[in-house]
Amino acid sequence: MLGQTKVSRLIFQLSMSPSQPHNHLAQKYILHLYVANGNPQSLLAIRRVHSLCEEHLVEGCEIKLVDIYQQPDLAEQEKVFAIPTLIKKAPLPEKKLIGDLSDLEKVGILLKNN
C-alpha cells in the first residue's frame, strides 16, 4: 500500500494542465475520479487519467479526485458503488466508467460526445 505522500504527489501532477498536448480532442473535459486512498487499482487509474489528459485532451482537463473514505457523501450523491470510477461531467453527455481504465475501447466511448 502506498502512502499519503505518493497519492498527494500523483494528485498534484494531475492538477497541472498538459504542457504540450499531442493529439485530437479539442474540448476541455471535466472528469471526476472516485478512488480509495492507497488502493492499487485506484493508483493505477490515477496514473492512467494523467496519461490520458497529457496525450489526448488538447485543451486539457480538469480532474477532481474524490477519496470515497474522505468524502462518502459525494460518492453517494453520484451513486458510486465501486472504485475506481471515472465520471465525465463535461462535455455532455455525462458518462461513467468503472475500473482502472485499462480497457482503451471503453475509455474512448467515455470520451465521445454522443
N, C-alpha and C. Protein backbone atom coordinates (compact mmCIF):
# COMPACT_ATOMS: atom_id res chain seq x y z
N MET A 1 0.85 -1.17 0.00
CA MET A 1 0.00 0.00 0.00
C MET A 1 0.90 1.24 0.00
N LEU A 2 0.61 2.17 -0.90
CA LEU A 2 1.40 3.38 -0.99
C LEU A 2 0.89 4.41 0.00
N GLY A 3 1.81 5.22 0.48
CA GLY A 3 1.46 6.19 1.49
C GLY A 3 0.77 7.42 0.94
N GLN A 4 0.32 8.27 1.85
CA GLN A 4 -0.39 9.50 1.51
C GLN A 4 0.47 10.42 0.67
N THR A 5 1.80 10.47 0.91
CA THR A 5 2.68 11.35 0.16
C THR A 5 2.68 10.99 -1.31
N LYS A 6 2.74 9.70 -1.62
CA LYS A 6 2.73 9.25 -3.02
C LYS A 6 1.42 9.65 -3.69
N VAL A 7 0.30 9.45 -3.02
CA VAL A 7 -1.00 9.82 -3.58
C VAL A 7 -1.07 11.32 -3.78
N SER A 8 -0.60 12.10 -2.82
CA SER A 8 -0.61 13.56 -2.94
C SER A 8 0.22 14.02 -4.13
N ARG A 9 1.35 13.37 -4.35
CA ARG A 9 2.21 13.72 -5.48
C ARG A 9 1.48 13.44 -6.79
N LEU A 10 0.80 12.30 -6.88
CA LEU A 10 0.04 11.97 -8.07
C LEU A 10 -1.10 12.97 -8.28
N ILE A 11 -1.77 13.37 -7.22
CA ILE A 11 -2.85 14.33 -7.32
C ILE A 11 -2.31 15.67 -7.81
N PHE A 12 -1.16 16.09 -7.32
CA PHE A 12 -0.56 17.34 -7.76
C PHE A 12 -0.24 17.28 -9.26
N GLN A 13 0.31 16.17 -9.70
CA GLN A 13 0.61 16.02 -11.12
C GLN A 13 -0.66 16.12 -11.95
N LEU A 14 -1.74 15.53 -11.49
CA LEU A 14 -3.00 15.57 -12.22
C LEU A 14 -3.55 16.98 -12.32
N SER A 15 -3.30 17.80 -11.33
CA SER A 15 -3.88 19.13 -11.32
C SER A 15 -3.20 20.06 -12.31
N MET A 16 -2.04 19.68 -12.81
CA MET A 16 -1.33 20.52 -13.78
C MET A 16 -1.85 20.22 -15.17
N SER A 17 -2.05 21.25 -15.97
CA SER A 17 -2.51 21.02 -17.34
C SER A 17 -1.33 20.54 -18.18
N PRO A 18 -1.61 19.78 -19.24
CA PRO A 18 -0.53 19.28 -20.07
C PRO A 18 0.24 20.42 -20.72
N SER A 19 1.57 20.32 -20.69
CA SER A 19 2.40 21.39 -21.24
C SER A 19 2.46 21.34 -22.76
N GLN A 20 2.44 20.16 -23.33
CA GLN A 20 2.48 20.03 -24.77
C GLN A 20 1.48 18.99 -25.21
N PRO A 21 0.25 19.38 -25.46
CA PRO A 21 -0.75 18.42 -25.87
C PRO A 21 -0.37 17.78 -27.21
N HIS A 22 -0.73 16.51 -27.38
CA HIS A 22 -0.27 15.76 -28.52
C HIS A 22 -1.32 15.41 -29.56
N ASN A 23 -2.57 15.23 -29.17
CA ASN A 23 -3.49 14.67 -30.14
C ASN A 23 -4.72 15.50 -30.40
N HIS A 24 -5.89 14.91 -30.42
CA HIS A 24 -7.00 15.41 -31.17
C HIS A 24 -8.20 15.97 -30.42
N LEU A 25 -8.45 15.69 -29.23
CA LEU A 25 -9.69 16.10 -28.58
C LEU A 25 -9.57 17.55 -28.11
N ALA A 26 -10.23 18.46 -28.82
CA ALA A 26 -10.02 19.89 -28.64
C ALA A 26 -11.07 20.56 -27.76
N GLN A 27 -11.63 19.86 -26.83
CA GLN A 27 -12.57 20.45 -25.88
C GLN A 27 -12.01 20.24 -24.48
N LYS A 28 -12.35 21.16 -23.59
CA LYS A 28 -11.94 20.96 -22.20
C LYS A 28 -12.86 19.93 -21.56
N TYR A 29 -12.26 18.98 -20.91
CA TYR A 29 -13.01 17.91 -20.25
C TYR A 29 -12.97 18.13 -18.74
N ILE A 30 -14.09 17.84 -18.10
CA ILE A 30 -14.16 17.84 -16.64
C ILE A 30 -14.42 16.41 -16.23
N LEU A 31 -13.46 15.86 -15.50
CA LEU A 31 -13.51 14.46 -15.08
C LEU A 31 -13.48 14.38 -13.56
N HIS A 32 -14.30 13.51 -13.02
CA HIS A 32 -14.28 13.22 -11.58
C HIS A 32 -13.85 11.76 -11.43
N LEU A 33 -12.79 11.54 -10.67
CA LEU A 33 -12.29 10.19 -10.45
C LEU A 33 -12.46 9.84 -8.99
N TYR A 34 -13.27 8.83 -8.73
CA TYR A 34 -13.53 8.35 -7.37
C TYR A 34 -12.57 7.21 -7.06
N VAL A 35 -11.81 7.37 -5.97
CA VAL A 35 -10.76 6.43 -5.61
C VAL A 35 -10.84 6.11 -4.12
N ALA A 36 -10.05 5.12 -3.73
CA ALA A 36 -9.85 4.82 -2.31
C ALA A 36 -8.36 4.96 -2.05
N ASN A 37 -7.99 5.82 -1.13
CA ASN A 37 -6.59 6.11 -0.85
C ASN A 37 -5.80 4.83 -0.59
N GLY A 38 -4.74 4.66 -1.34
CA GLY A 38 -3.86 3.52 -1.15
C GLY A 38 -4.25 2.28 -1.91
N ASN A 39 -5.44 2.26 -2.49
CA ASN A 39 -5.90 1.09 -3.24
C ASN A 39 -5.12 1.00 -4.56
N PRO A 40 -4.50 -0.15 -4.85
CA PRO A 40 -3.68 -0.28 -6.06
C PRO A 40 -4.44 0.03 -7.35
N GLN A 41 -5.69 -0.41 -7.45
CA GLN A 41 -6.47 -0.12 -8.66
C GLN A 41 -6.73 1.38 -8.79
N SER A 42 -6.94 2.04 -7.67
CA SER A 42 -7.16 3.49 -7.69
C SER A 42 -5.90 4.22 -8.14
N LEU A 43 -4.75 3.81 -7.64
CA LEU A 43 -3.49 4.44 -8.03
C LEU A 43 -3.22 4.25 -9.51
N LEU A 44 -3.53 3.06 -10.03
CA LEU A 44 -3.37 2.79 -11.45
C LEU A 44 -4.30 3.68 -12.27
N ALA A 45 -5.53 3.84 -11.83
CA ALA A 45 -6.50 4.71 -12.53
C ALA A 45 -6.02 6.16 -12.52
N ILE A 46 -5.46 6.61 -11.43
CA ILE A 46 -4.93 7.98 -11.35
C ILE A 46 -3.84 8.18 -12.39
N ARG A 47 -2.92 7.23 -12.48
CA ARG A 47 -1.84 7.33 -13.48
C ARG A 47 -2.40 7.33 -14.89
N ARG A 48 -3.38 6.49 -15.14
CA ARG A 48 -3.95 6.41 -16.50
C ARG A 48 -4.71 7.67 -16.88
N VAL A 49 -5.43 8.27 -15.94
CA VAL A 49 -6.13 9.52 -16.23
C VAL A 49 -5.10 10.61 -16.56
N HIS A 50 -4.02 10.63 -15.81
CA HIS A 50 -2.96 11.61 -16.06
C HIS A 50 -2.43 11.43 -17.49
N SER A 51 -2.12 10.22 -17.87
CA SER A 51 -1.62 9.94 -19.23
C SER A 51 -2.64 10.32 -20.28
N LEU A 52 -3.89 9.97 -20.04
CA LEU A 52 -4.96 10.29 -20.97
C LEU A 52 -5.03 11.80 -21.22
N CYS A 53 -4.98 12.57 -20.16
CA CYS A 53 -5.05 14.03 -20.30
C CYS A 53 -3.85 14.57 -21.07
N GLU A 54 -2.66 14.10 -20.75
CA GLU A 54 -1.46 14.59 -21.42
C GLU A 54 -1.41 14.22 -22.90
N GLU A 55 -1.88 13.03 -23.24
CA GLU A 55 -1.72 12.52 -24.60
C GLU A 55 -2.89 12.84 -25.53
N HIS A 56 -4.10 13.02 -25.00
CA HIS A 56 -5.26 13.09 -25.88
C HIS A 56 -6.16 14.30 -25.72
N LEU A 57 -6.10 14.98 -24.62
CA LEU A 57 -7.05 16.07 -24.39
C LEU A 57 -6.36 17.41 -24.63
N VAL A 58 -6.47 17.90 -25.87
CA VAL A 58 -5.74 19.06 -26.33
C VAL A 58 -5.97 20.29 -25.46
N GLU A 59 -7.20 20.57 -25.11
CA GLU A 59 -7.50 21.74 -24.29
C GLU A 59 -7.28 21.47 -22.81
N GLY A 60 -6.76 20.30 -22.50
CA GLY A 60 -6.53 19.95 -21.11
C GLY A 60 -7.78 19.41 -20.46
N CYS A 61 -7.67 19.14 -19.21
CA CYS A 61 -8.81 18.63 -18.48
C CYS A 61 -8.71 19.06 -17.02
N GLU A 62 -9.86 19.20 -16.44
CA GLU A 62 -9.96 19.49 -15.02
C GLU A 62 -10.33 18.18 -14.36
N ILE A 63 -9.52 17.76 -13.43
CA ILE A 63 -9.76 16.48 -12.77
C ILE A 63 -10.01 16.72 -11.29
N LYS A 64 -11.11 16.19 -10.83
CA LYS A 64 -11.41 16.24 -9.40
C LYS A 64 -11.26 14.82 -8.87
N LEU A 65 -10.33 14.64 -7.96
CA LEU A 65 -10.16 13.34 -7.31
C LEU A 65 -10.95 13.33 -6.02
N VAL A 66 -11.74 12.28 -5.86
CA VAL A 66 -12.58 12.15 -4.67
C VAL A 66 -12.25 10.83 -3.99
N ASP A 67 -11.73 10.91 -2.79
CA ASP A 67 -11.47 9.71 -1.98
C ASP A 67 -12.78 9.35 -1.29
N ILE A 68 -13.29 8.17 -1.58
CA ILE A 68 -14.60 7.78 -1.05
C ILE A 68 -14.62 7.68 0.47
N TYR A 69 -13.44 7.51 1.09
CA TYR A 69 -13.39 7.44 2.54
C TYR A 69 -13.37 8.84 3.16
N GLN A 70 -12.84 9.82 2.41
CA GLN A 70 -12.79 11.19 2.89
C GLN A 70 -14.09 11.94 2.60
N GLN A 71 -14.75 11.58 1.48
CA GLN A 71 -15.96 12.28 1.07
C GLN A 71 -17.04 11.28 0.63
N PRO A 72 -17.51 10.46 1.57
CA PRO A 72 -18.50 9.45 1.20
C PRO A 72 -19.83 10.03 0.70
N ASP A 73 -20.15 11.26 1.14
CA ASP A 73 -21.39 11.90 0.70
C ASP A 73 -21.37 12.17 -0.81
N LEU A 74 -20.22 12.56 -1.35
CA LEU A 74 -20.12 12.78 -2.80
C LEU A 74 -20.27 11.48 -3.57
N ALA A 75 -19.66 10.43 -3.06
CA ALA A 75 -19.78 9.12 -3.71
C ALA A 75 -21.23 8.67 -3.71
N GLU A 76 -21.91 8.88 -2.62
CA GLU A 76 -23.32 8.50 -2.53
C GLU A 76 -24.17 9.34 -3.47
N GLN A 77 -23.91 10.63 -3.51
CA GLN A 77 -24.65 11.54 -4.37
C GLN A 77 -24.51 11.16 -5.85
N GLU A 78 -23.32 10.73 -6.25
CA GLU A 78 -23.06 10.34 -7.65
C GLU A 78 -23.37 8.86 -7.90
N LYS A 79 -23.85 8.17 -6.87
CA LYS A 79 -24.16 6.74 -6.97
C LYS A 79 -22.94 5.92 -7.40
N VAL A 80 -21.82 6.19 -6.73
CA VAL A 80 -20.59 5.46 -6.97
C VAL A 80 -20.53 4.33 -5.95
N PHE A 81 -20.57 3.11 -6.46
CA PHE A 81 -20.59 1.94 -5.58
C PHE A 81 -19.37 1.05 -5.76
N ALA A 82 -18.50 1.41 -6.69
CA ALA A 82 -17.27 0.65 -6.93
C ALA A 82 -16.16 1.65 -7.24
N ILE A 83 -14.95 1.26 -6.90
CA ILE A 83 -13.82 2.13 -7.20
C ILE A 83 -12.77 1.34 -7.98
N PRO A 84 -12.02 2.01 -8.81
CA PRO A 84 -12.16 3.40 -9.19
C PRO A 84 -13.31 3.60 -10.17
N THR A 85 -13.93 4.77 -10.12
CA THR A 85 -14.98 5.17 -11.06
C THR A 85 -14.62 6.53 -11.62
N LEU A 86 -14.63 6.62 -12.95
CA LEU A 86 -14.37 7.88 -13.64
C LEU A 86 -15.69 8.40 -14.22
N ILE A 87 -16.01 9.64 -13.92
CA ILE A 87 -17.22 10.26 -14.46
C ILE A 87 -16.80 11.44 -15.32
N LYS A 88 -17.24 11.43 -16.57
CA LYS A 88 -17.03 12.58 -17.46
C LYS A 88 -18.21 13.50 -17.26
N LYS A 89 -17.96 14.66 -16.65
CA LYS A 89 -19.01 15.64 -16.38
C LYS A 89 -19.23 16.57 -17.57
N ALA A 90 -18.17 16.90 -18.28
CA ALA A 90 -18.27 17.77 -19.46
C ALA A 90 -17.18 17.35 -20.44
N PRO A 91 -17.41 17.48 -21.71
CA PRO A 91 -18.64 17.91 -22.33
C PRO A 91 -19.74 16.86 -22.16
N LEU A 92 -20.97 17.34 -22.26
CA LEU A 92 -22.12 16.44 -22.14
C LEU A 92 -22.20 15.52 -23.35
N PRO A 93 -22.77 14.34 -23.23
CA PRO A 93 -23.49 13.82 -22.08
C PRO A 93 -22.54 13.27 -21.02
N GLU A 94 -23.01 13.30 -19.78
CA GLU A 94 -22.24 12.73 -18.68
C GLU A 94 -22.18 11.22 -18.86
N LYS A 95 -20.99 10.67 -18.60
CA LYS A 95 -20.80 9.22 -18.71
C LYS A 95 -19.95 8.74 -17.55
N LYS A 96 -20.08 7.44 -17.25
CA LYS A 96 -19.40 6.82 -16.12
C LYS A 96 -18.65 5.58 -16.59
N LEU A 97 -17.44 5.38 -16.04
CA LEU A 97 -16.65 4.18 -16.33
C LEU A 97 -16.08 3.65 -15.03
N ILE A 98 -16.32 2.39 -14.77
CA ILE A 98 -15.83 1.74 -13.55
C ILE A 98 -14.64 0.88 -13.91
N GLY A 99 -13.56 1.01 -13.15
CA GLY A 99 -12.37 0.19 -13.37
C GLY A 99 -11.11 1.03 -13.45
N ASP A 100 -10.00 0.37 -13.73
CA ASP A 100 -8.70 1.05 -13.71
C ASP A 100 -8.34 1.73 -15.02
N LEU A 101 -9.27 1.79 -15.96
CA LEU A 101 -9.11 2.45 -17.26
C LEU A 101 -8.17 1.71 -18.20
N SER A 102 -7.99 0.42 -18.00
CA SER A 102 -7.10 -0.35 -18.87
C SER A 102 -7.77 -0.73 -20.18
N ASP A 103 -9.10 -0.69 -20.25
CA ASP A 103 -9.82 -1.01 -21.48
C ASP A 103 -9.93 0.26 -22.32
N LEU A 104 -9.04 0.40 -23.30
CA LEU A 104 -8.98 1.63 -24.09
C LEU A 104 -10.24 1.85 -24.91
N GLU A 105 -10.90 0.78 -25.32
CA GLU A 105 -12.15 0.94 -26.08
C GLU A 105 -13.22 1.62 -25.21
N LYS A 106 -13.33 1.19 -23.97
CA LYS A 106 -14.31 1.80 -23.07
C LYS A 106 -13.94 3.26 -22.75
N VAL A 107 -12.66 3.54 -22.62
CA VAL A 107 -12.23 4.91 -22.37
C VAL A 107 -12.59 5.79 -23.57
N GLY A 108 -12.40 5.27 -24.78
CA GLY A 108 -12.77 6.01 -25.99
C GLY A 108 -14.26 6.29 -26.04
N ILE A 109 -15.08 5.32 -25.65
CA ILE A 109 -16.52 5.51 -25.62
C ILE A 109 -16.88 6.59 -24.60
N LEU A 110 -16.22 6.59 -23.46
CA LEU A 110 -16.47 7.59 -22.43
C LEU A 110 -16.22 9.00 -22.95
N LEU A 111 -15.20 9.15 -23.78
CA LEU A 111 -14.81 10.47 -24.26
C LEU A 111 -15.66 10.98 -25.42
N LYS A 112 -16.39 10.08 -26.08
CA LYS A 112 -17.24 10.52 -27.18
C LYS A 112 -18.37 11.39 -26.65
N ASN A 113 -18.80 12.33 -27.47
CA ASN A 113 -19.83 13.28 -27.05
C ASN A 113 -21.22 12.90 -27.51
N ASN A 114 -21.48 11.64 -27.72
CA ASN A 114 -22.83 11.23 -28.12
C ASN A 114 -23.28 10.04 -27.32
